[in-house]
N, C-alpha and C. Protein backbone atom coordinates (compact mmCIF):
# COMPACT_ATOMS: atom_id res chain seq x y z
N MET A 1 -17.02 -0.01 8.96
CA MET A 1 -16.29 1.08 8.67
C MET A 1 -16.44 1.41 7.16
N THR A 2 -16.57 2.52 6.76
CA THR A 2 -16.62 2.88 5.38
C THR A 2 -15.23 2.87 4.72
N PRO A 3 -15.32 2.46 3.41
CA PRO A 3 -14.06 2.83 2.68
C PRO A 3 -13.59 4.03 2.77
N ARG A 4 -12.20 3.93 2.89
CA ARG A 4 -11.51 5.37 2.98
C ARG A 4 -10.36 5.65 1.60
N ASP A 5 -10.17 6.87 1.43
CA ASP A 5 -9.22 7.08 0.49
C ASP A 5 -7.94 6.85 1.02
N LEU A 6 -7.11 5.77 0.38
CA LEU A 6 -5.74 5.61 1.25
C LEU A 6 -4.68 6.01 0.23
N SER A 7 -4.96 6.93 -0.65
CA SER A 7 -3.87 7.39 -1.56
C SER A 7 -2.74 8.22 -0.75
N HIS A 8 -3.23 8.93 0.12
CA HIS A 8 -2.19 9.47 0.82
C HIS A 8 -1.64 9.03 2.25
N ALA A 9 -2.03 7.56 2.52
CA ALA A 9 -1.61 6.89 3.69
C ALA A 9 -0.18 6.88 3.65
N LYS A 10 0.48 7.02 4.89
CA LYS A 10 1.94 6.92 5.24
C LYS A 10 1.98 5.85 5.96
N TRP A 11 2.48 4.76 5.21
CA TRP A 11 2.75 3.46 5.68
C TRP A 11 4.11 3.40 6.57
N ARG A 12 4.17 2.52 7.51
CA ARG A 12 5.37 2.21 8.13
C ARG A 12 5.20 0.72 8.72
N LYS A 13 6.34 0.12 8.91
CA LYS A 13 6.31 -1.11 9.25
C LYS A 13 6.19 -1.18 11.11
N SER A 14 5.29 -1.94 11.24
CA SER A 14 5.00 -1.97 12.67
C SER A 14 5.96 -2.37 13.63
N SER A 15 6.13 -1.55 14.89
CA SER A 15 7.43 -1.84 15.61
C SER A 15 7.40 -3.43 16.35
N ARG A 16 6.31 -3.92 16.05
CA ARG A 16 6.11 -5.40 16.59
C ARG A 16 6.48 -6.42 15.54
N SER A 17 6.72 -5.90 14.37
CA SER A 17 7.18 -6.98 13.10
C SER A 17 8.30 -7.71 13.33
N SER A 18 8.45 -8.83 13.04
CA SER A 18 9.63 -9.64 13.32
C SER A 18 10.58 -9.53 12.17
N ALA A 19 11.81 -10.16 12.28
CA ALA A 19 12.83 -10.16 11.41
C ALA A 19 12.67 -11.08 10.31
N ASN A 20 11.89 -12.20 10.64
CA ASN A 20 11.81 -13.19 9.63
C ASN A 20 10.68 -13.29 8.59
N GLY A 21 10.04 -11.94 8.49
CA GLY A 21 9.27 -11.54 7.32
C GLY A 21 7.71 -11.57 7.86
N GLN A 22 7.53 -11.73 9.13
CA GLN A 22 6.26 -11.70 9.64
C GLN A 22 5.84 -10.27 9.95
N CYS A 23 5.58 -9.42 8.93
CA CYS A 23 5.48 -8.05 9.19
C CYS A 23 4.17 -7.35 8.78
N VAL A 24 3.79 -6.39 9.30
CA VAL A 24 2.54 -5.61 8.89
C VAL A 24 3.00 -4.13 8.72
N ASP A 25 2.39 -3.39 7.88
CA ASP A 25 2.48 -1.84 7.65
C ASP A 25 1.16 -1.46 8.31
N VAL A 26 1.45 -0.21 8.89
CA VAL A 26 0.31 0.34 9.60
C VAL A 26 0.29 1.94 9.19
N ALA A 27 -0.81 2.36 8.79
CA ALA A 27 -0.87 3.81 8.47
C ALA A 27 -1.97 4.46 9.32
N ASP A 28 -1.30 5.27 10.18
CA ASP A 28 -2.32 5.98 11.28
C ASP A 28 -2.28 7.40 10.93
N ASN A 29 -2.16 7.89 9.92
CA ASN A 29 -2.25 9.17 9.37
C ASN A 29 -3.81 9.56 8.82
N ILE A 30 -4.64 8.51 8.85
CA ILE A 30 -5.89 8.59 8.11
C ILE A 30 -6.93 9.03 9.08
N PRO A 31 -7.47 10.40 8.93
CA PRO A 31 -8.46 10.86 9.85
C PRO A 31 -9.36 9.72 10.45
N GLY A 32 -9.46 9.47 11.54
CA GLY A 32 -10.59 8.51 12.32
C GLY A 32 -10.21 7.12 11.90
N ALA A 33 -9.27 6.72 11.44
CA ALA A 33 -9.06 5.31 10.95
C ALA A 33 -7.44 5.10 11.22
N VAL A 34 -7.23 3.78 11.18
CA VAL A 34 -5.97 3.04 11.00
C VAL A 34 -6.09 1.95 10.20
N ALA A 35 -5.27 1.88 9.18
CA ALA A 35 -5.14 0.94 8.18
C ALA A 35 -3.97 -0.11 8.33
N VAL A 36 -4.22 -1.36 8.05
CA VAL A 36 -3.11 -2.18 8.37
C VAL A 36 -3.01 -3.09 7.05
N ARG A 37 -1.70 -3.54 6.70
CA ARG A 37 -1.77 -4.40 5.33
C ARG A 37 -0.43 -5.27 5.73
N ASP A 38 -0.40 -6.45 4.89
CA ASP A 38 0.62 -7.20 4.88
C ASP A 38 1.85 -6.49 4.22
N SER A 39 3.01 -6.45 4.66
CA SER A 39 4.11 -5.78 4.01
C SER A 39 4.69 -6.42 2.95
N LYS A 40 4.49 -7.90 2.99
CA LYS A 40 4.88 -8.54 1.65
C LYS A 40 3.58 -8.58 0.56
N ASP A 41 2.74 -7.78 0.74
CA ASP A 41 1.69 -7.83 -0.31
C ASP A 41 1.06 -6.47 -0.43
N ARG A 42 1.79 -5.59 -0.63
CA ARG A 42 1.52 -4.04 -0.41
C ARG A 42 0.20 -3.79 -1.29
N SER A 43 -0.05 -4.43 -2.49
CA SER A 43 -1.08 -4.23 -3.22
C SER A 43 -2.27 -5.00 -2.96
N GLY A 44 -2.20 -5.82 -1.92
CA GLY A 44 -3.24 -6.78 -1.36
C GLY A 44 -4.17 -6.05 -0.51
N PRO A 45 -4.98 -6.83 0.27
CA PRO A 45 -5.96 -6.13 1.02
C PRO A 45 -5.53 -5.48 2.07
N VAL A 46 -6.33 -4.39 2.50
CA VAL A 46 -6.20 -3.56 3.57
C VAL A 46 -7.29 -3.73 4.64
N LEU A 47 -6.90 -3.73 6.03
CA LEU A 47 -8.10 -3.73 6.92
C LEU A 47 -7.99 -2.34 7.51
N ALA A 48 -9.24 -1.67 7.91
CA ALA A 48 -9.37 -0.61 8.35
C ALA A 48 -9.95 -0.50 9.43
N PHE A 49 -9.51 0.01 10.47
CA PHE A 49 -10.21 -0.03 11.86
C PHE A 49 -10.41 1.47 12.41
N GLY A 50 -11.51 1.66 12.97
CA GLY A 50 -11.80 3.09 13.77
C GLY A 50 -10.66 3.34 14.74
N ALA A 51 -10.31 4.44 15.01
CA ALA A 51 -9.16 4.65 15.65
C ALA A 51 -9.23 4.20 17.15
N GLU A 52 -10.54 4.46 17.75
CA GLU A 52 -10.64 3.89 19.07
C GLU A 52 -10.54 2.34 19.10
N ASP A 53 -11.30 1.68 18.28
CA ASP A 53 -11.09 0.32 18.04
C ASP A 53 -9.67 -0.16 18.15
N TRP A 54 -8.85 0.59 17.20
CA TRP A 54 -7.62 0.26 17.07
C TRP A 54 -6.66 0.39 18.44
N ARG A 55 -6.94 1.36 18.88
CA ARG A 55 -6.58 1.82 20.47
C ARG A 55 -6.77 0.73 21.36
N ARG A 56 -8.00 0.16 21.48
CA ARG A 56 -8.35 -0.80 22.33
C ARG A 56 -7.75 -2.17 21.99
N PHE A 57 -7.56 -2.50 20.85
CA PHE A 57 -6.72 -3.73 20.28
C PHE A 57 -5.42 -3.64 20.63
N VAL A 58 -4.67 -2.52 20.49
CA VAL A 58 -3.39 -2.48 20.83
C VAL A 58 -3.24 -2.49 22.37
N ASP A 59 -3.97 -1.75 23.10
CA ASP A 59 -4.06 -1.87 24.57
C ASP A 59 -4.21 -3.39 24.96
N PHE A 60 -5.03 -4.06 24.35
CA PHE A 60 -5.20 -5.40 24.83
C PHE A 60 -3.91 -6.32 24.56
N LEU A 61 -3.33 -6.24 23.46
CA LEU A 61 -2.22 -6.79 23.18
C LEU A 61 -0.89 -6.46 24.06
N LYS A 62 -0.88 -5.39 24.55
CA LYS A 62 0.06 -4.89 25.60
C LYS A 62 0.09 -5.66 26.83
N TYR A 63 -1.24 -5.93 27.25
CA TYR A 63 -1.35 -6.55 28.62
C TYR A 63 -1.62 -8.15 28.55
N HIS A 64 -1.64 -8.75 27.41
CA HIS A 64 -2.07 -10.20 27.22
C HIS A 64 -0.88 -10.79 26.61
């Protein structure tokens, strides 16, 4: 996946994040991509996935 401009990303805490600090932020308003970062290190690295790859990953987690 090519680097994307994340300056307009709308980050939200994942609904699966735990109360003990094991949290990820997700931005799914980026055309064709979903970005994920550690909520404790917001200036740290970001993983970006193609929208279809992300959908398959989330579906896999739901059923396993």
